[in-house]
């Protein structure tokens, strides 16, 4: 179903790609970060909102948006590579950490080098589910490659946690936010503004 909400006219629409538009029912607003949307979804006041991610913007101000399920903001997604060679995955682990130093990821993430069973190793990159496309683009742009069988998605993260692997190496990645997220009263006070930033 095509969204029918009325969006405000934006002077620099390309600036809003990757941000979110929210339909509050009685009004709509554009320019929320993923963290802001997650906080709004946790608040009781925002129970009936509909969330859309802005994927493209045309010079004429037209936005291409796509609906996002609310639970997406409470989930983790991941990318996992499996090999029988610890050294192979360790080298990929180091490349991934170096990539994050030279080119920050689009969001916070964690990297694990773990052992399933004797002789079976996994390299995991785990991040908030709403950033799947951005993480994929970041890895492609950074030309990251790893060997072995690969799996990705929300369900794979849960399977990883359920197996309780022995984590041999871990590293926390900090994302480069295009916009600083607001929280608490600062966020709630401005909800009636059609353009958030």
N, C-alpha and C. Protein backbone atom coordinates (compact mmCIF):
# COMPACT_ATOMS: atom_id res chain seq x y z
N UNK A 1 0.83 -1.18 0.00
CA UNK A 1 0.00 0.00 0.00
C UNK A 1 0.88 1.24 0.00
N UNK A 2 0.56 2.20 -0.85
CA UNK A 2 1.35 3.43 -0.97
C UNK A 2 0.98 4.37 0.17
N UNK A 3 2.00 4.91 0.89
CA UNK A 3 1.71 5.83 1.98
C UNK A 3 0.98 7.07 1.46
N UNK A 4 0.01 7.56 2.21
CA UNK A 4 -0.76 8.73 1.79
C UNK A 4 -0.53 9.92 2.71
N UNK A 5 0.41 9.85 3.60
CA UNK A 5 0.64 10.96 4.51
C UNK A 5 1.21 12.16 3.75
N UNK A 6 0.94 13.33 4.27
CA UNK A 6 1.43 14.57 3.67
C UNK A 6 2.77 14.91 4.31
N UNK A 7 3.80 14.99 3.48
CA UNK A 7 5.14 15.31 3.97
C UNK A 7 5.44 16.78 3.69
N UNK A 8 6.25 17.41 4.53
CA UNK A 8 6.60 18.81 4.32
C UNK A 8 7.53 18.98 3.13
N UNK A 9 7.56 20.18 2.58
CA UNK A 9 8.47 20.49 1.49
C UNK A 9 9.87 20.69 2.07
N UNK A 10 10.85 20.04 1.49
CA UNK A 10 12.22 20.10 2.00
C UNK A 10 13.10 20.90 1.05
N UNK A 11 13.93 21.77 1.61
CA UNK A 11 14.82 22.59 0.78
C UNK A 11 15.97 21.77 0.21
N UNK A 12 16.53 20.85 1.00
CA UNK A 12 17.63 19.98 0.54
C UNK A 12 17.23 18.54 0.80
N UNK A 13 16.36 17.98 -0.03
CA UNK A 13 15.82 16.64 0.23
C UNK A 13 16.87 15.55 0.32
N UNK A 14 17.97 15.68 -0.42
CA UNK A 14 19.02 14.65 -0.41
C UNK A 14 19.64 14.49 0.98
N UNK A 15 19.55 15.51 1.78
CA UNK A 15 20.09 15.49 3.14
C UNK A 15 19.33 14.52 4.05
N UNK A 16 18.13 14.13 3.66
CA UNK A 16 17.26 13.30 4.49
C UNK A 16 17.31 11.81 4.15
N UNK A 17 18.07 11.45 3.12
CA UNK A 17 18.21 10.04 2.75
C UNK A 17 18.87 9.30 3.91
N UNK A 18 18.27 8.18 4.31
CA UNK A 18 18.77 7.40 5.43
C UNK A 18 18.10 7.75 6.75
N UNK A 19 17.37 8.86 6.78
CA UNK A 19 16.60 9.23 7.96
C UNK A 19 15.19 8.68 7.84
N UNK A 20 14.34 9.02 8.79
CA UNK A 20 13.00 8.43 8.86
C UNK A 20 11.92 9.51 8.87
N UNK A 21 10.79 9.16 8.28
CA UNK A 21 9.58 9.98 8.34
C UNK A 21 8.59 9.21 9.21
N UNK A 22 7.82 9.93 10.01
CA UNK A 22 6.85 9.29 10.89
C UNK A 22 5.48 9.90 10.67
N UNK A 23 4.49 9.02 10.53
CA UNK A 23 3.08 9.42 10.46
C UNK A 23 2.51 9.23 11.86
N UNK A 24 2.16 10.34 12.50
CA UNK A 24 1.61 10.29 13.86
C UNK A 24 0.09 10.17 13.86
N UNK A 25 -0.52 10.13 12.66
CA UNK A 25 -1.97 10.06 12.56
C UNK A 25 -2.57 11.44 12.30
N UNK A 26 -2.32 12.39 13.20
CA UNK A 26 -2.84 13.74 13.03
C UNK A 26 -1.84 14.66 12.33
N UNK A 27 -0.59 14.25 12.21
CA UNK A 27 0.44 15.00 11.49
C UNK A 27 1.59 14.06 11.16
N UNK A 28 2.49 14.55 10.33
CA UNK A 28 3.68 13.76 10.00
C UNK A 28 4.91 14.65 10.17
N UNK A 29 6.06 14.00 10.30
CA UNK A 29 7.32 14.71 10.47
C UNK A 29 8.44 13.93 9.78
N UNK A 30 9.45 14.66 9.32
CA UNK A 30 10.56 14.09 8.57
C UNK A 30 11.87 14.44 9.26
N UNK A 31 12.81 13.48 9.27
CA UNK A 31 14.16 13.78 9.73
C UNK A 31 14.56 13.14 11.04
N UNK A 32 13.97 12.02 11.39
CA UNK A 32 14.33 11.32 12.62
C UNK A 32 15.48 10.35 12.36
N UNK A 33 16.37 10.20 13.33
CA UNK A 33 17.42 9.18 13.25
C UNK A 33 16.84 7.85 13.72
N UNK A 34 17.55 6.76 13.44
CA UNK A 34 17.10 5.43 13.89
C UNK A 34 17.01 5.38 15.41
N UNK A 35 17.96 5.98 16.10
CA UNK A 35 17.93 5.98 17.57
C UNK A 35 16.71 6.73 18.10
N UNK A 36 16.37 7.83 17.44
CA UNK A 36 15.19 8.60 17.86
C UNK A 36 13.91 7.80 17.64
N UNK A 37 13.83 7.12 16.51
CA UNK A 37 12.65 6.29 16.23
C UNK A 37 12.54 5.19 17.28
N UNK A 38 13.66 4.54 17.60
CA UNK A 38 13.64 3.47 18.59
C UNK A 38 13.13 4.00 19.93
N UNK A 39 13.57 5.18 20.32
CA UNK A 39 13.11 5.75 21.59
C UNK A 39 11.61 6.08 21.54
N UNK A 40 11.15 6.64 20.43
CA UNK A 40 9.73 6.96 20.31
C UNK A 40 8.87 5.70 20.35
N UNK A 41 9.34 4.65 19.73
CA UNK A 41 8.58 3.40 19.73
C UNK A 41 8.48 2.79 21.12
N UNK A 42 9.47 3.05 21.96
CA UNK A 42 9.44 2.54 23.32
C UNK A 42 8.51 3.35 24.23
N UNK A 43 8.20 4.57 23.81
CA UNK A 43 7.35 5.41 24.66
C UNK A 43 5.87 5.11 24.38
N UNK A 44 5.05 5.17 25.39
CA UNK A 44 3.62 4.89 25.26
C UNK A 44 2.91 5.90 24.38
N UNK A 45 3.41 7.13 24.34
CA UNK A 45 2.77 8.19 23.56
C UNK A 45 2.80 7.90 22.07
N UNK A 46 3.72 7.08 21.63
CA UNK A 46 3.93 6.87 20.20
C UNK A 46 3.41 5.52 19.72
N UNK A 47 2.49 4.93 20.44
CA UNK A 47 2.03 3.59 20.13
C UNK A 47 1.47 3.45 18.72
N UNK A 48 0.73 4.43 18.24
CA UNK A 48 0.06 4.32 16.94
C UNK A 48 0.80 4.98 15.79
N UNK A 49 2.10 5.17 15.89
CA UNK A 49 2.83 5.80 14.80
C UNK A 49 3.16 4.78 13.71
N UNK A 50 3.37 5.29 12.50
CA UNK A 50 3.83 4.48 11.38
C UNK A 50 5.16 5.06 10.93
N UNK A 51 6.15 4.20 10.75
CA UNK A 51 7.52 4.64 10.45
C UNK A 51 7.88 4.29 9.01
N UNK A 52 8.53 5.24 8.34
CA UNK A 52 9.01 5.05 6.97
C UNK A 52 10.47 5.47 6.89
N UNK A 53 11.28 4.70 6.18
CA UNK A 53 12.67 5.07 5.95
C UNK A 53 12.76 5.78 4.61
N UNK A 54 13.55 6.83 4.56
CA UNK A 54 13.75 7.60 3.33
C UNK A 54 14.92 6.98 2.57
N UNK A 55 14.65 6.44 1.38
CA UNK A 55 15.67 5.75 0.60
C UNK A 55 16.28 6.62 -0.50
N UNK A 56 15.48 7.46 -1.10
CA UNK A 56 15.97 8.31 -2.19
C UNK A 56 15.26 9.66 -2.11
N UNK A 57 15.94 10.65 -2.67
CA UNK A 57 15.33 11.98 -2.74
C UNK A 57 15.66 12.57 -4.10
N UNK A 58 14.67 13.16 -4.74
CA UNK A 58 14.85 13.81 -6.03
C UNK A 58 15.05 15.30 -5.82
N UNK A 59 15.71 15.97 -6.76
CA UNK A 59 15.92 17.41 -6.64
C UNK A 59 14.61 18.20 -6.51
N UNK A 60 13.52 17.64 -7.04
CA UNK A 60 12.23 18.35 -6.94
C UNK A 60 11.58 18.18 -5.57
N UNK A 61 12.26 17.46 -4.66
CA UNK A 61 11.74 17.29 -3.31
C UNK A 61 10.97 16.00 -3.09
N UNK A 62 10.77 15.21 -4.14
CA UNK A 62 10.07 13.95 -4.02
C UNK A 62 10.94 12.96 -3.22
N UNK A 63 10.32 12.31 -2.25
CA UNK A 63 11.03 11.32 -1.44
C UNK A 63 10.53 9.92 -1.75
N UNK A 64 11.45 8.97 -1.85
CA UNK A 64 11.07 7.56 -1.95
C UNK A 64 11.20 6.98 -0.56
N UNK A 65 10.08 6.51 -0.03
CA UNK A 65 10.07 5.99 1.34
C UNK A 65 9.53 4.56 1.35
N UNK A 66 9.88 3.86 2.42
CA UNK A 66 9.44 2.47 2.57
C UNK A 66 9.07 2.25 4.03
N UNK A 67 7.93 1.61 4.25
CA UNK A 67 7.49 1.33 5.61
C UNK A 67 8.44 0.39 6.34
N UNK A 68 8.60 0.63 7.63
CA UNK A 68 9.49 -0.18 8.46
C UNK A 68 8.67 -0.74 9.62
N UNK A 69 8.76 -2.04 9.83
CA UNK A 69 8.05 -2.65 10.95
C UNK A 69 8.63 -2.16 12.27
N UNK A 70 7.76 -1.90 13.21
CA UNK A 70 8.18 -1.33 14.49
C UNK A 70 9.18 -2.21 15.23
N UNK A 71 8.99 -3.52 15.19
CA UNK A 71 9.88 -4.40 15.95
C UNK A 71 11.30 -4.42 15.39
N UNK A 72 11.49 -3.94 14.18
CA UNK A 72 12.81 -3.89 13.54
C UNK A 72 13.81 -3.12 14.40
N UNK A 73 13.32 -2.15 15.14
CA UNK A 73 14.20 -1.28 15.93
C UNK A 73 14.63 -1.91 17.25
N UNK A 74 14.12 -3.08 17.57
CA UNK A 74 14.53 -3.79 18.77
C UNK A 74 15.35 -5.04 18.45
N UNK A 75 15.64 -5.27 17.18
CA UNK A 75 16.33 -6.49 16.76
C UNK A 75 17.77 -6.23 16.34
N UNK A 76 18.57 -7.28 16.42
CA UNK A 76 19.92 -7.25 15.87
C UNK A 76 19.95 -8.12 14.62
N UNK A 77 20.79 -7.72 13.69
CA UNK A 77 21.03 -8.52 12.50
C UNK A 77 22.53 -8.80 12.47
N UNK A 78 22.94 -9.67 11.58
CA UNK A 78 24.36 -9.97 11.53
C UNK A 78 24.78 -10.65 10.25
N UNK A 79 26.07 -10.72 10.10
CA UNK A 79 26.71 -11.38 8.98
C UNK A 79 27.77 -12.31 9.58
N UNK A 80 27.71 -13.58 9.20
CA UNK A 80 28.59 -14.59 9.80
C UNK A 80 29.30 -15.39 8.72
N UNK A 81 30.60 -15.63 8.95
CA UNK A 81 31.42 -16.42 8.03
C UNK A 81 31.97 -17.62 8.81
N UNK A 82 31.81 -18.82 8.24
CA UNK A 82 32.21 -20.06 8.91
C UNK A 82 33.36 -20.71 8.16
N UNK A 83 34.41 -21.10 8.89
CA UNK A 83 35.51 -21.86 8.30
C UNK A 83 36.00 -22.89 9.30
N UNK A 84 36.86 -23.79 8.82
CA UNK A 84 37.49 -24.77 9.70
C UNK A 84 38.89 -24.31 10.09
N UNK A 85 39.25 -23.09 9.66
CA UNK A 85 40.60 -22.59 9.88
C UNK A 85 40.55 -21.31 10.72
N UNK A 86 41.05 -21.39 11.92
CA UNK A 86 41.04 -20.23 12.82
C UNK A 86 41.82 -19.07 12.23
N UNK A 87 42.97 -19.34 11.66
CA UNK A 87 43.82 -18.27 11.12
C UNK A 87 43.13 -17.51 9.99
N UNK A 88 42.40 -18.21 9.14
CA UNK A 88 41.67 -17.56 8.05
C UNK A 88 40.66 -16.57 8.61
N UNK A 89 39.88 -16.99 9.59
CA UNK A 89 38.90 -16.10 10.18
C UNK A 89 39.55 -14.99 11.01
N UNK A 90 40.69 -15.30 11.63
CA UNK A 90 41.39 -14.27 12.40
C UNK A 90 41.88 -13.16 11.47
N UNK A 91 42.39 -13.54 10.31
CA UNK A 91 42.84 -12.53 9.33
C UNK A 91 41.66 -11.66 8.87
N UNK A 92 40.51 -12.29 8.64
CA UNK A 92 39.32 -11.53 8.24
C UNK A 92 38.85 -10.63 9.39
N UNK A 93 38.94 -11.14 10.61
CA UNK A 93 38.59 -10.34 11.79
C UNK A 93 39.45 -9.08 11.84
N UNK A 94 40.75 -9.22 11.64
CA UNK A 94 41.66 -8.08 11.66
C UNK A 94 41.35 -7.09 10.53
N UNK A 95 41.03 -7.61 9.34
CA UNK A 95 40.68 -6.72 8.22
C UNK A 95 39.42 -5.92 8.53
N UNK A 96 38.45 -6.57 9.15
CA UNK A 96 37.20 -5.90 9.49
C UNK A 96 37.42 -4.80 10.53
N UNK A 97 38.23 -5.07 11.53
CA UNK A 97 38.54 -4.07 12.56
C UNK A 97 39.32 -2.91 11.93
N UNK A 98 40.28 -3.21 11.06
CA UNK A 98 41.04 -2.15 10.38
C UNK A 98 40.13 -1.29 9.51
N UNK A 99 39.19 -1.92 8.83
CA UNK A 99 38.24 -1.17 8.00
C UNK A 99 37.47 -0.17 8.86
N UNK A 100 37.05 -0.59 10.03
CA UNK A 100 36.28 0.29 10.92
C UNK A 100 37.12 1.46 11.41
N UNK A 101 38.43 1.28 11.50
CA UNK A 101 39.32 2.36 11.92
C UNK A 101 39.50 3.37 10.80
N UNK A 102 39.66 2.88 9.58
CA UNK A 102 39.90 3.78 8.44
C UNK A 102 38.63 4.37 7.86
N UNK A 103 37.54 3.65 8.02
CA UNK A 103 36.25 4.09 7.47
C UNK A 103 35.16 3.64 8.44
N UNK A 104 34.74 4.54 9.31
CA UNK A 104 33.79 4.17 10.35
C UNK A 104 32.51 3.56 9.78
N UNK A 105 31.97 2.55 10.45
CA UNK A 105 30.71 1.96 10.00
C UNK A 105 29.56 2.94 10.20
N UNK A 106 28.42 2.68 9.59
CA UNK A 106 27.29 3.60 9.70
C UNK A 106 26.57 3.54 11.04
N UNK A 107 26.93 2.57 11.89
CA UNK A 107 26.26 2.42 13.18
C UNK A 107 27.20 1.65 14.11
N UNK A 108 26.81 1.57 15.37
CA UNK A 108 27.59 0.75 16.29
C UNK A 108 27.44 -0.72 15.87
N UNK A 109 28.45 -1.49 16.13
CA UNK A 109 28.42 -2.91 15.77
C UNK A 109 29.46 -3.63 16.62
N UNK A 110 29.36 -4.95 16.67
CA UNK A 110 30.38 -5.73 17.36
C UNK A 110 30.87 -6.83 16.44
N UNK A 111 32.15 -7.12 16.58
CA UNK A 111 32.80 -8.15 15.77
C UNK A 111 33.25 -9.25 16.73
N UNK A 112 32.91 -10.47 16.41
CA UNK A 112 33.33 -11.62 17.21
C UNK A 112 34.07 -12.61 16.33
N UNK A 113 35.16 -13.14 16.87
CA UNK A 113 35.79 -14.33 16.31
C UNK A 113 35.52 -15.41 17.35
N UNK A 114 34.79 -16.44 16.97
CA UNK A 114 34.36 -17.44 17.94
C UNK A 114 34.59 -18.85 17.42
N UNK A 115 34.53 -19.78 18.36
CA UNK A 115 34.68 -21.20 18.03
C UNK A 115 33.38 -21.90 18.40
N UNK A 116 32.79 -22.61 17.39
CA UNK A 116 31.57 -23.38 17.65
C UNK A 116 31.91 -24.64 18.41
N UNK A 117 32.59 -25.48 17.69
CA UNK A 117 33.01 -26.78 18.19
C UNK A 117 34.48 -26.89 17.85
N UNK A 118 35.08 -27.98 18.23
CA UNK A 118 36.48 -28.18 17.90
C UNK A 118 36.66 -28.11 16.38
N UNK A 119 37.47 -27.17 15.94
CA UNK A 119 37.78 -27.08 14.51
C UNK A 119 36.77 -26.33 13.68
N UNK A 120 35.79 -25.66 14.27
CA UNK A 120 34.83 -24.88 13.50
C UNK A 120 34.79 -23.46 14.06
N UNK A 121 35.13 -22.49 13.20
CA UNK A 121 35.25 -21.10 13.62
C UNK A 121 34.27 -20.22 12.88
N UNK A 122 33.87 -19.13 13.55
CA UNK A 122 32.91 -18.20 12.95
C UNK A 122 33.38 -16.78 13.20
N UNK A 123 33.30 -15.96 12.17
CA UNK A 123 33.51 -14.52 12.27
C UNK A 123 32.14 -13.89 12.18
N UNK A 124 31.77 -13.12 13.19
CA UNK A 124 30.45 -12.50 13.21
C UNK A 124 30.51 -10.99 13.31
N UNK A 125 29.68 -10.33 12.53
CA UNK A 125 29.48 -8.89 12.61
C UNK A 125 28.02 -8.69 12.99
N UNK A 126 27.76 -8.10 14.16
CA UNK A 126 26.40 -7.98 14.69
C UNK A 126 26.09 -6.50 14.87
N UNK A 127 24.89 -6.07 14.42
CA UNK A 127 24.54 -4.65 14.39
C UNK A 127 23.03 -4.50 14.48
N UNK A 128 22.54 -3.28 14.75
CA UNK A 128 21.08 -3.07 14.79
C UNK A 128 20.45 -3.39 13.43
N UNK A 129 19.34 -4.11 13.46
CA UNK A 129 18.70 -4.61 12.23
C UNK A 129 18.32 -3.50 11.26
N UNK A 130 17.99 -2.32 11.77
CA UNK A 130 17.56 -1.25 10.86
C UNK A 130 18.69 -0.73 9.98
N UNK A 131 19.93 -1.19 10.22
CA UNK A 131 21.08 -0.74 9.43
C UNK A 131 21.59 -1.79 8.44
N UNK A 132 20.79 -2.80 8.12
CA UNK A 132 21.27 -3.86 7.23
C UNK A 132 21.81 -3.33 5.90
N UNK A 133 21.06 -2.47 5.26
CA UNK A 133 21.49 -1.96 3.94
C UNK A 133 22.73 -1.09 4.05
N UNK A 134 22.79 -0.27 5.09
CA UNK A 134 23.95 0.61 5.27
C UNK A 134 25.22 -0.19 5.57
N UNK A 135 25.09 -1.25 6.39
CA UNK A 135 26.24 -2.10 6.69
C UNK A 135 26.72 -2.79 5.42
N UNK A 136 25.79 -3.29 4.63
CA UNK A 136 26.15 -3.94 3.37
C UNK A 136 26.90 -2.97 2.46
N UNK A 137 26.40 -1.75 2.33
CA UNK A 137 27.06 -0.75 1.49
C UNK A 137 28.45 -0.41 2.03
N UNK A 138 28.58 -0.33 3.36
CA UNK A 138 29.87 -0.03 3.99
C UNK A 138 30.89 -1.13 3.69
N UNK A 139 30.47 -2.39 3.79
CA UNK A 139 31.38 -3.51 3.52
C UNK A 139 31.79 -3.53 2.04
N UNK A 140 30.85 -3.25 1.16
CA UNK A 140 31.16 -3.22 -0.28
C UNK A 140 32.11 -2.08 -0.58
N UNK A 141 31.81 -0.90 -0.04
CA UNK A 141 32.67 0.26 -0.29
C UNK A 141 34.08 0.03 0.28
N UNK A 142 34.16 -0.63 1.41
CA UNK A 142 35.45 -0.93 2.02
C UNK A 142 36.14 -2.15 1.44
N UNK A 143 35.49 -2.80 0.48
CA UNK A 143 36.02 -3.98 -0.21
C UNK A 143 36.39 -5.10 0.75
N UNK A 144 35.55 -5.27 1.76
CA UNK A 144 35.79 -6.33 2.73
C UNK A 144 35.43 -7.68 2.14
N UNK A 145 36.31 -8.66 2.31
CA UNK A 145 36.06 -10.02 1.86
C UNK A 145 36.46 -10.99 2.97
N UNK A 146 35.72 -12.06 3.06
CA UNK A 146 36.05 -13.13 4.00
C UNK A 146 35.76 -14.46 3.31
N UNK A 147 36.44 -15.49 3.78
CA UNK A 147 36.27 -16.82 3.18
C UNK A 147 35.25 -17.63 3.96
N UNK A 148 34.79 -18.68 3.34
CA UNK A 148 33.91 -19.63 4.01
C UNK A 148 32.45 -19.41 3.70
N UNK A 149 31.64 -20.30 4.23
CA UNK A 149 30.20 -20.21 4.11
C UNK A 149 29.73 -18.95 4.82
N UNK A 150 28.82 -18.20 4.21
CA UNK A 150 28.31 -16.96 4.83
C UNK A 150 26.81 -17.06 5.04
N UNK A 151 26.35 -16.50 6.16
CA UNK A 151 24.92 -16.39 6.45
C UNK A 151 24.68 -14.99 7.01
N UNK A 152 23.46 -14.50 6.82
CA UNK A 152 23.14 -13.17 7.32
C UNK A 152 21.68 -13.10 7.73
N UNK A 153 21.38 -12.13 8.59
CA UNK A 153 20.00 -11.87 8.95
C UNK A 153 19.75 -11.90 10.44
N UNK A 154 18.53 -11.57 10.80
CA UNK A 154 18.10 -11.51 12.19
C UNK A 154 18.10 -12.89 12.83
N UNK A 155 17.54 -13.87 12.14
CA UNK A 155 17.44 -15.22 12.67
C UNK A 155 18.79 -15.86 12.93
N UNK A 156 19.77 -15.53 12.10
CA UNK A 156 21.10 -16.10 12.24
C UNK A 156 21.76 -15.59 13.53
N UNK A 157 21.49 -14.34 13.90
CA UNK A 157 22.04 -13.79 15.14
C UNK A 157 21.50 -14.58 16.33
N UNK A 158 20.21 -14.85 16.33
CA UNK A 158 19.63 -15.60 17.44
C UNK A 158 20.21 -17.01 17.52
N UNK A 159 20.41 -17.64 16.35
CA UNK A 159 21.02 -18.97 16.34
C UNK A 159 22.43 -18.92 16.91
N UNK A 160 23.16 -17.86 16.58
CA UNK A 160 24.52 -17.69 17.10
C UNK A 160 24.49 -17.60 18.62
N UNK A 161 23.62 -16.75 19.15
CA UNK A 161 23.52 -16.61 20.61
C UNK A 161 23.07 -17.93 21.26
N UNK A 162 22.12 -18.61 20.63
CA UNK A 162 21.61 -19.86 21.19
C UNK A 162 22.70 -20.93 21.31
N UNK A 163 23.65 -20.92 20.40
CA UNK A 163 24.72 -21.93 20.44
C UNK A 163 25.79 -21.60 21.46
N UNK A 164 25.78 -20.39 22.01
CA UNK A 164 26.75 -19.95 23.03
C UNK A 164 28.19 -20.31 22.65
N UNK A 165 28.67 -19.77 21.54
CA UNK A 165 30.03 -20.12 21.13
C UNK A 165 31.07 -19.51 22.08
N UNK A 166 32.25 -20.06 22.06
CA UNK A 166 33.36 -19.50 22.83
C UNK A 166 33.94 -18.33 22.03
N UNK A 167 33.80 -17.11 22.54
CA UNK A 167 34.30 -15.94 21.83
C UNK A 167 35.79 -15.80 22.12
N UNK A 168 36.59 -15.91 21.07
CA UNK A 168 38.05 -15.86 21.18
C UNK A 168 38.58 -14.44 21.10
N UNK A 169 37.96 -13.64 20.27
CA UNK A 169 38.33 -12.22 20.09
C UNK A 169 37.04 -11.44 19.93
N UNK A 170 37.01 -10.21 20.44
CA UNK A 170 35.84 -9.35 20.25
C UNK A 170 36.30 -7.91 20.13
N UNK A 171 35.54 -7.14 19.36
CA UNK A 171 35.85 -5.72 19.18
C UNK A 171 34.55 -4.95 18.99
N UNK A 172 34.43 -3.84 19.69
CA UNK A 172 33.26 -2.97 19.55
C UNK A 172 33.56 -1.90 18.51
N UNK A 173 32.68 -1.76 17.53
CA UNK A 173 32.83 -0.72 16.51
C UNK A 173 31.87 0.42 16.83
N UNK A 174 32.34 1.63 16.66
CA UNK A 174 31.50 2.80 16.91
C UNK A 174 31.20 3.47 15.59
N UNK A 175 29.92 3.69 15.34
CA UNK A 175 29.48 4.25 14.07
C UNK A 175 29.64 5.74 13.98
N UNK A 176 29.70 6.19 12.76
CA UNK A 176 29.79 7.61 12.48
C UNK A 176 28.39 8.10 12.16
N UNK A 177 27.79 8.82 13.07
CA UNK A 177 26.44 9.32 12.86
C UNK A 177 26.48 10.61 12.05
N UNK A 178 25.62 10.68 11.06
CA UNK A 178 25.52 11.89 10.26
C UNK A 178 24.88 13.01 11.09
N UNK A 179 23.94 12.62 11.96
CA UNK A 179 23.26 13.57 12.81
C UNK A 179 23.31 13.08 14.25
N UNK A 180 23.42 13.99 15.18
CA UNK A 180 23.37 13.64 16.59
C UNK A 180 21.92 13.37 16.97
N UNK A 181 21.67 12.26 17.62
CA UNK A 181 20.31 11.89 18.03
C UNK A 181 19.92 12.62 19.31
N UNK A 182 18.67 13.03 19.36
CA UNK A 182 18.11 13.64 20.56
C UNK A 182 17.44 12.56 21.38
N UNK A 183 17.25 12.83 22.67
CA UNK A 183 16.56 11.85 23.51
C UNK A 183 15.76 12.58 24.58
N UNK A 184 14.93 11.81 25.27
CA UNK A 184 14.15 12.34 26.39
C UNK A 184 13.28 13.52 26.01
N UNK A 185 13.25 14.52 26.90
CA UNK A 185 12.41 15.70 26.69
C UNK A 185 12.78 16.46 25.43
N UNK A 186 14.07 16.51 25.12
CA UNK A 186 14.52 17.23 23.92
C UNK A 186 13.86 16.65 22.67
N UNK A 187 13.73 15.35 22.61
CA UNK A 187 13.08 14.70 21.48
C UNK A 187 11.57 14.92 21.51
N UNK A 188 10.95 14.72 22.66
CA UNK A 188 9.49 14.79 22.76
C UNK A 188 8.94 16.20 22.54
N UNK A 189 9.69 17.23 22.93
CA UNK A 189 9.22 18.61 22.79
C UNK A 189 9.02 18.98 21.32
N UNK A 190 9.85 18.46 20.44
CA UNK A 190 9.79 18.85 19.03
C UNK A 190 8.96 17.97 18.13
N UNK A 191 8.18 17.06 18.66
CA UNK A 191 7.46 16.10 17.82
C UNK A 191 6.45 16.73 16.87
N UNK A 192 5.93 17.89 17.19
CA UNK A 192 4.94 18.54 16.31
C UNK A 192 5.57 19.25 15.12
N UNK A 193 6.91 19.43 15.16
CA UNK A 193 7.58 20.08 14.02
C UNK A 193 7.58 19.14 12.82
N UNK A 194 7.19 19.64 11.68
CA UNK A 194 7.14 18.82 10.47
C UNK A 194 8.53 18.44 9.97
N UNK A 195 9.51 19.32 10.17
CA UNK A 195 10.89 19.07 9.76
C UNK A 195 11.74 19.05 11.03
N UNK A 196 12.31 17.90 11.32
CA UNK A 196 13.02 17.70 12.58
C UNK A 196 14.44 18.26 12.59
N UNK A 197 15.06 18.36 11.44
CA UNK A 197 16.44 18.90 11.40
C UNK A 197 16.70 19.51 10.05
